[in-house]
Amino acid sequence: MKTNTFSRLVVAALGAAALPFITPAKGEQPEATQAASGGFTLDRLSTENGEDNAVQWEYLERIEFDSRREFLKNLKLLETKVDAQVHELNAKRSAMNSTIDTRDWDLAMKEMLASQVYLNGMNEEVDKATPDTWDQVKDKVHQAWTRTQNAYDKVKSSTTS
């Protein structure tokens, strides 16, 4: 268990260090990805068109073990959304005046990046799932998704935003 925790911390640190190299350049926006199953797109997951996270999970929670590939495709869409959120926050941070105290922002951003890495790690959990563990794995993914969105909200509402 300690090795697993240590490994996750190492992955989180590496992910945070690599982020400037893997995020889109300033002004670029990631494309909305479309899943093969029913045209479920990032736009459908977006809260900008009036849907909230609870509605998104109503769809994902109904996916059964036999359709876990569909679940994985939609998990990738969530990851794409979080990537776009991180890009948005990085752009905002780089545009901040250098005289602003950014400690709260930076601390909240570290949690955002750690939660992003954890969400990205859920792919492996879904791949390893069995019919007996499927509901538990979906709950873990839901918790990981909720963690990213709570972290995103915290960064956006920080005193420097």
N, C-alpha and C. Protein backbone atom coordinates (compact mmCIF):
# COMPACT_ATOMS: atom_id res chain seq x y z
N MET A 1 0.82 -1.19 0.00
CA MET A 1 0.00 0.00 0.00
C MET A 1 0.86 1.26 0.00
N LYS A 2 1.97 1.24 0.79
CA LYS A 2 2.85 2.40 0.83
C LYS A 2 3.51 2.61 -0.52
N THR A 3 3.90 1.55 -1.18
CA THR A 3 4.50 1.66 -2.50
C THR A 3 3.52 2.28 -3.48
N ASN A 4 2.25 1.86 -3.40
CA ASN A 4 1.23 2.40 -4.28
C ASN A 4 1.07 3.90 -4.04
N THR A 5 1.04 4.34 -2.76
CA THR A 5 0.92 5.75 -2.44
C THR A 5 2.14 6.50 -2.94
N PHE A 6 3.33 5.95 -2.69
CA PHE A 6 4.55 6.57 -3.16
C PHE A 6 4.54 6.69 -4.68
N SER A 7 4.14 5.62 -5.35
CA SER A 7 4.09 5.64 -6.82
C SER A 7 3.15 6.72 -7.33
N ARG A 8 2.02 6.87 -6.68
CA ARG A 8 1.06 7.90 -7.11
C ARG A 8 1.64 9.29 -6.90
N LEU A 9 2.37 9.49 -5.81
CA LEU A 9 2.99 10.79 -5.57
C LEU A 9 4.05 11.09 -6.63
N VAL A 10 4.83 10.07 -6.98
CA VAL A 10 5.84 10.24 -8.02
C VAL A 10 5.17 10.58 -9.35
N VAL A 11 4.11 9.86 -9.69
CA VAL A 11 3.39 10.12 -10.93
C VAL A 11 2.81 11.53 -10.92
N ALA A 12 2.25 11.95 -9.78
CA ALA A 12 1.69 13.30 -9.68
C ALA A 12 2.77 14.35 -9.88
N ALA A 13 3.93 14.14 -9.27
CA ALA A 13 5.02 15.10 -9.41
C ALA A 13 5.52 15.16 -10.86
N LEU A 14 5.67 13.99 -11.47
CA LEU A 14 6.10 13.96 -12.88
C LEU A 14 5.07 14.60 -13.79
N GLY A 15 3.80 14.34 -13.51
CA GLY A 15 2.73 14.93 -14.31
C GLY A 15 2.73 16.44 -14.21
N ALA A 16 2.92 16.94 -12.99
CA ALA A 16 2.96 18.38 -12.79
C ALA A 16 4.16 19.00 -13.50
N ALA A 17 5.31 18.30 -13.44
CA ALA A 17 6.51 18.82 -14.10
C ALA A 17 6.38 18.81 -15.61
N ALA A 18 5.67 17.82 -16.15
CA ALA A 18 5.54 17.70 -17.60
C ALA A 18 4.42 18.55 -18.17
N LEU A 19 3.54 19.05 -17.32
CA LEU A 19 2.36 19.77 -17.80
C LEU A 19 2.66 20.90 -18.77
N PRO A 20 3.66 21.75 -18.50
CA PRO A 20 3.92 22.84 -19.45
C PRO A 20 4.28 22.33 -20.85
N PHE A 21 4.77 21.10 -20.94
CA PHE A 21 5.18 20.56 -22.23
C PHE A 21 4.05 19.85 -22.96
N ILE A 22 3.00 19.45 -22.23
CA ILE A 22 1.93 18.68 -22.86
C ILE A 22 0.64 19.45 -23.01
N THR A 23 0.54 20.62 -22.39
CA THR A 23 -0.68 21.41 -22.55
C THR A 23 -0.60 22.16 -23.86
N PRO A 24 -1.76 22.47 -24.46
CA PRO A 24 -1.76 23.19 -25.73
C PRO A 24 -1.13 24.57 -25.57
N ALA A 25 -0.58 25.07 -26.64
CA ALA A 25 0.02 26.40 -26.63
C ALA A 25 -1.06 27.45 -26.37
N LYS A 26 -0.62 28.60 -25.91
CA LYS A 26 -1.54 29.69 -25.61
C LYS A 26 -2.40 29.99 -26.83
N GLY A 27 -3.70 30.08 -26.63
CA GLY A 27 -4.62 30.37 -27.72
C GLY A 27 -5.18 29.13 -28.39
N GLU A 28 -4.54 27.97 -28.22
CA GLU A 28 -5.06 26.73 -28.80
C GLU A 28 -6.07 26.12 -27.86
N GLN A 29 -7.09 25.51 -28.38
CA GLN A 29 -8.07 24.82 -27.56
C GLN A 29 -8.11 23.37 -27.97
N PRO A 30 -8.17 22.45 -26.97
CA PRO A 30 -8.29 21.04 -27.33
C PRO A 30 -9.60 20.80 -28.06
N GLU A 31 -9.56 19.89 -29.03
CA GLU A 31 -10.78 19.58 -29.76
C GLU A 31 -11.73 18.78 -28.89
N ALA A 32 -13.02 18.99 -29.10
CA ALA A 32 -14.00 18.15 -28.42
C ALA A 32 -13.96 16.78 -29.08
N THR A 33 -13.83 15.78 -28.27
CA THR A 33 -13.72 14.42 -28.77
C THR A 33 -15.10 13.79 -28.82
N GLN A 34 -15.36 13.02 -29.84
CA GLN A 34 -16.65 12.35 -29.95
C GLN A 34 -16.46 10.86 -29.79
N ALA A 35 -17.23 10.28 -28.87
CA ALA A 35 -17.18 8.84 -28.68
C ALA A 35 -18.03 8.17 -29.74
N ALA A 36 -17.67 6.95 -30.07
CA ALA A 36 -18.40 6.21 -31.09
C ALA A 36 -19.81 5.84 -30.64
N SER A 37 -20.05 5.80 -29.34
CA SER A 37 -21.35 5.35 -28.85
C SER A 37 -22.33 6.51 -28.76
N GLY A 38 -23.18 6.62 -29.72
CA GLY A 38 -24.29 7.56 -29.66
C GLY A 38 -23.92 9.02 -29.75
N GLY A 39 -22.75 9.34 -30.25
CA GLY A 39 -22.39 10.75 -30.41
C GLY A 39 -22.24 11.48 -29.07
N PHE A 40 -21.86 10.81 -28.04
CA PHE A 40 -21.65 11.41 -26.73
C PHE A 40 -20.39 12.24 -26.80
N THR A 41 -20.49 13.54 -26.69
CA THR A 41 -19.34 14.40 -26.90
C THR A 41 -19.00 15.19 -25.66
N LEU A 42 -17.84 15.80 -25.68
CA LEU A 42 -17.42 16.67 -24.60
C LEU A 42 -18.44 17.77 -24.38
N ASP A 43 -19.04 18.28 -25.45
CA ASP A 43 -20.05 19.31 -25.30
C ASP A 43 -21.21 18.82 -24.43
N ARG A 44 -21.57 17.55 -24.60
CA ARG A 44 -22.65 17.00 -23.80
C ARG A 44 -22.26 16.95 -22.33
N LEU A 45 -20.97 16.75 -22.05
CA LEU A 45 -20.50 16.71 -20.68
C LEU A 45 -20.29 18.10 -20.09
N SER A 46 -20.25 19.09 -20.92
CA SER A 46 -19.91 20.42 -20.47
C SER A 46 -21.02 21.03 -19.61
N THR A 47 -20.62 21.69 -18.53
CA THR A 47 -21.59 22.39 -17.70
C THR A 47 -21.99 23.71 -18.35
N GLU A 48 -21.28 24.12 -19.37
CA GLU A 48 -21.58 25.39 -20.01
C GLU A 48 -22.91 25.37 -20.75
N ASN A 49 -23.40 24.19 -21.10
CA ASN A 49 -24.68 24.14 -21.80
C ASN A 49 -25.82 23.77 -20.86
N GLY A 50 -25.62 24.01 -19.54
CA GLY A 50 -26.71 23.85 -18.60
C GLY A 50 -26.75 22.53 -17.85
N GLU A 51 -25.92 21.57 -18.23
CA GLU A 51 -25.92 20.30 -17.52
C GLU A 51 -24.95 20.41 -16.35
N ASP A 52 -25.28 19.75 -15.26
CA ASP A 52 -24.35 19.75 -14.14
C ASP A 52 -23.71 18.38 -13.99
N ASN A 53 -22.73 18.28 -13.10
CA ASN A 53 -21.99 17.04 -12.94
C ASN A 53 -22.89 15.88 -12.55
N ALA A 54 -23.94 16.13 -11.77
CA ALA A 54 -24.84 15.05 -11.36
C ALA A 54 -25.52 14.43 -12.57
N VAL A 55 -25.93 15.24 -13.53
CA VAL A 55 -26.57 14.72 -14.73
C VAL A 55 -25.57 13.87 -15.52
N GLN A 56 -24.33 14.31 -15.60
CA GLN A 56 -23.30 13.55 -16.30
C GLN A 56 -23.14 12.17 -15.68
N TRP A 57 -23.14 12.12 -14.38
CA TRP A 57 -22.94 10.84 -13.71
C TRP A 57 -24.16 9.95 -13.76
N GLU A 58 -25.33 10.55 -13.96
CA GLU A 58 -26.52 9.71 -14.16
C GLU A 58 -26.33 8.84 -15.40
N TYR A 59 -25.70 9.39 -16.42
CA TYR A 59 -25.43 8.60 -17.63
C TYR A 59 -24.34 7.56 -17.37
N LEU A 60 -23.23 7.99 -16.80
CA LEU A 60 -22.10 7.08 -16.61
C LEU A 60 -22.40 5.96 -15.61
N GLU A 61 -23.17 6.26 -14.60
CA GLU A 61 -23.50 5.24 -13.60
C GLU A 61 -24.33 4.10 -14.18
N ARG A 62 -25.06 4.36 -15.24
CA ARG A 62 -25.90 3.32 -15.85
C ARG A 62 -25.11 2.37 -16.74
N ILE A 63 -23.87 2.69 -17.03
CA ILE A 63 -23.08 1.82 -17.90
C ILE A 63 -22.70 0.57 -17.12
N GLU A 64 -23.03 -0.57 -17.69
CA GLU A 64 -22.77 -1.86 -17.04
C GLU A 64 -21.38 -2.39 -17.41
N PHE A 65 -20.96 -3.40 -16.70
CA PHE A 65 -19.64 -3.99 -16.89
C PHE A 65 -19.39 -4.40 -18.34
N ASP A 66 -20.38 -4.98 -18.97
CA ASP A 66 -20.23 -5.44 -20.36
C ASP A 66 -19.96 -4.29 -21.33
N SER A 67 -20.26 -3.07 -20.93
CA SER A 67 -20.05 -1.90 -21.77
C SER A 67 -18.93 -1.01 -21.23
N ARG A 68 -17.96 -1.62 -20.55
CA ARG A 68 -16.90 -0.82 -19.94
C ARG A 68 -16.05 -0.09 -20.97
N ARG A 69 -15.98 -0.56 -22.20
CA ARG A 69 -15.25 0.17 -23.25
C ARG A 69 -15.92 1.52 -23.51
N GLU A 70 -17.23 1.53 -23.49
CA GLU A 70 -17.96 2.79 -23.63
C GLU A 70 -17.66 3.70 -22.43
N PHE A 71 -17.62 3.11 -21.25
CA PHE A 71 -17.28 3.86 -20.05
C PHE A 71 -15.90 4.49 -20.19
N LEU A 72 -14.94 3.70 -20.68
CA LEU A 72 -13.58 4.21 -20.88
C LEU A 72 -13.54 5.36 -21.87
N LYS A 73 -14.31 5.24 -22.94
CA LYS A 73 -14.35 6.33 -23.93
C LYS A 73 -14.87 7.61 -23.29
N ASN A 74 -15.89 7.47 -22.46
CA ASN A 74 -16.44 8.65 -21.80
C ASN A 74 -15.53 9.17 -20.70
N LEU A 75 -14.78 8.29 -20.07
CA LEU A 75 -13.77 8.72 -19.11
C LEU A 75 -12.71 9.56 -19.83
N LYS A 76 -12.35 9.17 -21.04
CA LYS A 76 -11.40 9.97 -21.83
C LYS A 76 -11.96 11.37 -22.10
N LEU A 77 -13.27 11.45 -22.31
CA LEU A 77 -13.90 12.76 -22.52
C LEU A 77 -13.79 13.62 -21.26
N LEU A 78 -13.99 13.00 -20.11
CA LEU A 78 -13.83 13.74 -18.86
C LEU A 78 -12.39 14.21 -18.70
N GLU A 79 -11.44 13.36 -19.06
CA GLU A 79 -10.03 13.73 -18.99
C GLU A 79 -9.74 14.91 -19.92
N THR A 80 -10.35 14.89 -21.10
CA THR A 80 -10.18 15.99 -22.04
C THR A 80 -10.74 17.28 -21.47
N LYS A 81 -11.87 17.19 -20.79
CA LYS A 81 -12.45 18.37 -20.16
C LYS A 81 -11.51 18.91 -19.08
N VAL A 82 -10.94 18.03 -18.26
CA VAL A 82 -10.03 18.47 -17.22
C VAL A 82 -8.77 19.07 -17.84
N ASP A 83 -8.28 18.48 -18.94
CA ASP A 83 -7.13 19.05 -19.65
C ASP A 83 -7.43 20.49 -20.08
N ALA A 84 -8.63 20.71 -20.59
CA ALA A 84 -9.02 22.06 -21.02
C ALA A 84 -9.11 23.00 -19.82
N GLN A 85 -9.60 22.50 -18.71
CA GLN A 85 -9.67 23.33 -17.50
C GLN A 85 -8.27 23.72 -17.03
N VAL A 86 -7.35 22.77 -17.02
CA VAL A 86 -5.97 23.05 -16.61
C VAL A 86 -5.35 24.07 -17.57
N HIS A 87 -5.59 23.90 -18.85
CA HIS A 87 -5.07 24.86 -19.84
C HIS A 87 -5.63 26.26 -19.56
N GLU A 88 -6.91 26.33 -19.29
CA GLU A 88 -7.54 27.62 -18.97
C GLU A 88 -6.90 28.25 -17.73
N LEU A 89 -6.71 27.45 -16.70
CA LEU A 89 -6.12 27.97 -15.46
C LEU A 89 -4.66 28.37 -15.65
N ASN A 90 -3.90 27.59 -16.43
CA ASN A 90 -2.51 27.95 -16.71
C ASN A 90 -2.43 29.26 -17.48
N ALA A 91 -3.32 29.45 -18.42
CA ALA A 91 -3.34 30.70 -19.19
C ALA A 91 -3.66 31.88 -18.27
N LYS A 92 -4.61 31.68 -17.38
CA LYS A 92 -4.98 32.74 -16.45
C LYS A 92 -3.81 33.07 -15.52
N ARG A 93 -3.13 32.02 -15.06
CA ARG A 93 -2.00 32.22 -14.15
C ARG A 93 -0.87 32.97 -14.84
N SER A 94 -0.59 32.61 -16.08
CA SER A 94 0.51 33.28 -16.80
C SER A 94 0.19 34.74 -17.10
N ALA A 95 -1.09 35.09 -17.11
CA ALA A 95 -1.48 36.47 -17.39
C ALA A 95 -1.57 37.32 -16.12
N MET A 96 -1.36 36.71 -14.96
CA MET A 96 -1.47 37.46 -13.71
C MET A 96 -0.33 38.43 -13.55
N ASN A 97 -0.63 39.54 -12.95
CA ASN A 97 0.36 40.56 -12.65
C ASN A 97 1.36 39.99 -11.65
N SER A 98 2.63 40.26 -11.84
CA SER A 98 3.68 39.70 -10.99
C SER A 98 3.63 40.24 -9.56
N THR A 99 2.90 41.30 -9.32
CA THR A 99 2.81 41.86 -7.97
C THR A 99 1.73 41.18 -7.13
N ILE A 100 0.94 40.33 -7.74
CA ILE A 100 -0.13 39.64 -7.02
C ILE A 100 0.45 38.46 -6.24
N ASP A 101 -0.01 38.30 -5.00
CA ASP A 101 0.39 37.15 -4.19
C ASP A 101 -0.36 35.92 -4.70
N THR A 102 0.36 34.98 -5.24
CA THR A 102 -0.26 33.81 -5.89
C THR A 102 -0.12 32.52 -5.09
N ARG A 103 0.28 32.62 -3.82
CA ARG A 103 0.49 31.40 -3.03
C ARG A 103 -0.77 30.55 -2.94
N ASP A 104 -1.92 31.17 -2.65
CA ASP A 104 -3.17 30.40 -2.56
C ASP A 104 -3.52 29.77 -3.90
N TRP A 105 -3.35 30.53 -4.97
CA TRP A 105 -3.63 30.02 -6.31
C TRP A 105 -2.73 28.81 -6.60
N ASP A 106 -1.45 28.99 -6.36
CA ASP A 106 -0.49 27.92 -6.67
C ASP A 106 -0.75 26.66 -5.85
N LEU A 107 -1.09 26.82 -4.60
CA LEU A 107 -1.40 25.67 -3.75
C LEU A 107 -2.64 24.95 -4.26
N ALA A 108 -3.67 25.71 -4.59
CA ALA A 108 -4.90 25.10 -5.14
C ALA A 108 -4.62 24.45 -6.48
N MET A 109 -3.74 25.03 -7.26
CA MET A 109 -3.40 24.46 -8.57
C MET A 109 -2.66 23.14 -8.42
N LYS A 110 -1.83 23.01 -7.39
CA LYS A 110 -1.14 21.74 -7.15
C LYS A 110 -2.17 20.63 -6.90
N GLU A 111 -3.21 20.94 -6.15
CA GLU A 111 -4.27 19.96 -5.91
C GLU A 111 -4.99 19.64 -7.21
N MET A 112 -5.20 20.65 -8.04
CA MET A 112 -5.86 20.41 -9.33
C MET A 112 -5.02 19.45 -10.16
N LEU A 113 -3.72 19.66 -10.22
CA LEU A 113 -2.85 18.80 -11.01
C LEU A 113 -2.79 17.38 -10.44
N ALA A 114 -2.74 17.28 -9.12
CA ALA A 114 -2.72 15.95 -8.48
C ALA A 114 -4.02 15.21 -8.75
N SER A 115 -5.13 15.92 -8.69
CA SER A 115 -6.43 15.28 -8.94
C SER A 115 -6.55 14.89 -10.42
N GLN A 116 -5.95 15.67 -11.30
CA GLN A 116 -5.95 15.33 -12.72
C GLN A 116 -5.18 14.03 -12.96
N VAL A 117 -4.02 13.90 -12.34
CA VAL A 117 -3.21 12.69 -12.47
C VAL A 117 -3.98 11.49 -11.94
N TYR A 118 -4.64 11.67 -10.81
CA TYR A 118 -5.42 10.57 -10.21
C TYR A 118 -6.56 10.15 -11.14
N LEU A 119 -7.27 11.13 -11.71
CA LEU A 119 -8.34 10.80 -12.65
C LEU A 119 -7.79 10.06 -13.85
N ASN A 120 -6.66 10.50 -14.38
CA ASN A 120 -6.05 9.83 -15.53
C ASN A 120 -5.65 8.40 -15.19
N GLY A 121 -5.32 8.14 -13.94
CA GLY A 121 -4.96 6.80 -13.50
C GLY A 121 -6.15 5.86 -13.38
N MET A 122 -7.34 6.37 -13.47
CA MET A 122 -8.54 5.54 -13.35
C MET A 122 -8.72 4.59 -14.54
N ASN A 123 -8.08 4.90 -15.66
CA ASN A 123 -8.18 4.01 -16.82
C ASN A 123 -7.71 2.60 -16.46
N GLU A 124 -6.62 2.54 -15.73
CA GLU A 124 -6.07 1.24 -15.33
C GLU A 124 -7.04 0.52 -14.39
N GLU A 125 -7.67 1.26 -13.49
CA GLU A 125 -8.65 0.66 -12.57
C GLU A 125 -9.83 0.08 -13.35
N VAL A 126 -10.29 0.81 -14.35
CA VAL A 126 -11.42 0.34 -15.16
C VAL A 126 -11.00 -0.91 -15.94
N ASP A 127 -9.79 -0.90 -16.48
CA ASP A 127 -9.31 -2.08 -17.22
C ASP A 127 -9.22 -3.32 -16.34
N LYS A 128 -8.87 -3.15 -15.07
CA LYS A 128 -8.71 -4.28 -14.16
C LYS A 128 -10.03 -4.73 -13.54
N ALA A 129 -11.09 -3.97 -13.73
CA ALA A 129 -12.36 -4.26 -13.07
C ALA A 129 -12.90 -5.63 -13.46
N THR A 130 -13.58 -6.23 -12.54
CA THR A 130 -14.29 -7.49 -12.78
C THR A 130 -15.78 -7.20 -12.57
N PRO A 131 -16.64 -8.12 -12.97
CA PRO A 131 -18.07 -7.89 -12.71
C PRO A 131 -18.36 -7.65 -11.22
N ASP A 132 -17.59 -8.29 -10.35
CA ASP A 132 -17.80 -8.13 -8.90
C ASP A 132 -17.33 -6.78 -8.38
N THR A 133 -16.33 -6.19 -9.02
CA THR A 133 -15.78 -4.92 -8.53
C THR A 133 -16.25 -3.72 -9.35
N TRP A 134 -17.05 -3.94 -10.37
CA TRP A 134 -17.44 -2.88 -11.30
C TRP A 134 -18.04 -1.66 -10.60
N ASP A 135 -18.99 -1.87 -9.72
CA ASP A 135 -19.64 -0.74 -9.05
C ASP A 135 -18.65 0.03 -8.18
N GLN A 136 -17.73 -0.67 -7.53
CA GLN A 136 -16.72 0.01 -6.72
C GLN A 136 -15.79 0.84 -7.59
N VAL A 137 -15.42 0.31 -8.73
CA VAL A 137 -14.54 1.05 -9.65
C VAL A 137 -15.25 2.29 -10.16
N LYS A 138 -16.51 2.15 -10.53
CA LYS A 138 -17.26 3.34 -10.99
C LYS A 138 -17.34 4.39 -9.89
N ASP A 139 -17.51 3.95 -8.64
CA ASP A 139 -17.52 4.91 -7.52
C ASP A 139 -16.19 5.62 -7.39
N LYS A 140 -15.09 4.88 -7.57
CA LYS A 140 -13.75 5.50 -7.51
C LYS A 140 -13.59 6.55 -8.61
N VAL A 141 -14.06 6.22 -9.81
CA VAL A 141 -13.96 7.17 -10.92
C VAL A 141 -14.80 8.41 -10.61
N HIS A 142 -15.98 8.19 -10.07
CA HIS A 142 -16.84 9.31 -9.71
C HIS A 142 -16.16 10.19 -8.67
N GLN A 143 -15.54 9.58 -7.67
CA GLN A 143 -14.83 10.36 -6.66
C GLN A 143 -13.65 11.12 -7.27
N ALA A 144 -12.95 10.49 -8.19
CA ALA A 144 -11.82 11.16 -8.85
C ALA A 144 -12.32 12.35 -9.67
N TRP A 145 -13.41 12.16 -10.39
CA TRP A 145 -13.99 13.25 -11.18
C TRP A 145 -14.44 14.39 -10.27
N THR A 146 -15.12 14.05 -9.18
CA THR A 146 -15.59 15.07 -8.24
C THR A 146 -14.40 15.83 -7.65
N ARG A 147 -13.33 15.11 -7.36
CA ARG A 147 -12.13 15.75 -6.81
C ARG A 147 -11.57 16.77 -7.79
N THR A 148 -11.52 16.44 -9.07
CA THR A 148 -10.99 17.40 -10.06
C THR A 148 -11.87 18.63 -10.14
N GLN A 149 -13.18 18.44 -10.09
CA GLN A 149 -14.07 19.57 -10.22
C GLN A 149 -14.07 20.45 -8.97
N ASN A 150 -13.93 19.83 -7.80
CA ASN A 150 -13.79 20.62 -6.57
C ASN A 150 -12.49 21.42 -6.58
N ALA A 151 -11.42 20.79 -7.05
CA ALA A 151 -10.13 21.49 -7.14
C ALA A 151 -10.21 22.63 -8.15
N TYR A 152 -10.86 22.38 -9.28
CA TYR A 152 -11.03 23.42 -10.30
C TYR A 152 -11.78 24.61 -9.71
N ASP A 153 -12.88 24.33 -9.02
CA ASP A 153 -13.66 25.41 -8.41
C ASP A 153 -12.83 26.18 -7.38
N LYS A 154 -12.00 25.45 -6.63
CA LYS A 154 -11.17 26.11 -5.61
C LYS A 154 -10.15 27.04 -6.26
N VAL A 155 -9.53 26.60 -7.35
CA VAL A 155 -8.56 27.46 -8.03
C VAL A 155 -9.28 28.68 -8.60
N LYS A 156 -10.41 28.46 -9.23
CA LYS A 156 -11.14 29.58 -9.83
C LYS A 156 -11.61 30.58 -8.80
N SER A 157 -11.92 30.12 -7.59
CA SER A 157 -12.43 31.04 -6.58
C SER A 157 -11.35 31.55 -5.64
N SER A 158 -10.09 31.24 -5.95
CA SER A 158 -9.01 31.72 -5.09
C SER A 158 -8.97 33.24 -5.12
N THR A 159 -8.35 33.81 -4.14
CA THR A 159 -8.34 35.26 -3.98
C THR A 159 -7.69 35.99 -5.15
N THR A 160 -6.86 35.29 -5.92
CA THR A 160 -6.17 35.97 -7.03
C THR A 160 -6.90 35.80 -8.35
N SER A 161 -8.05 35.13 -8.35
CA SER A 161 -8.70 34.87 -9.65
C SER A 161 -9.55 35.98 -10.14
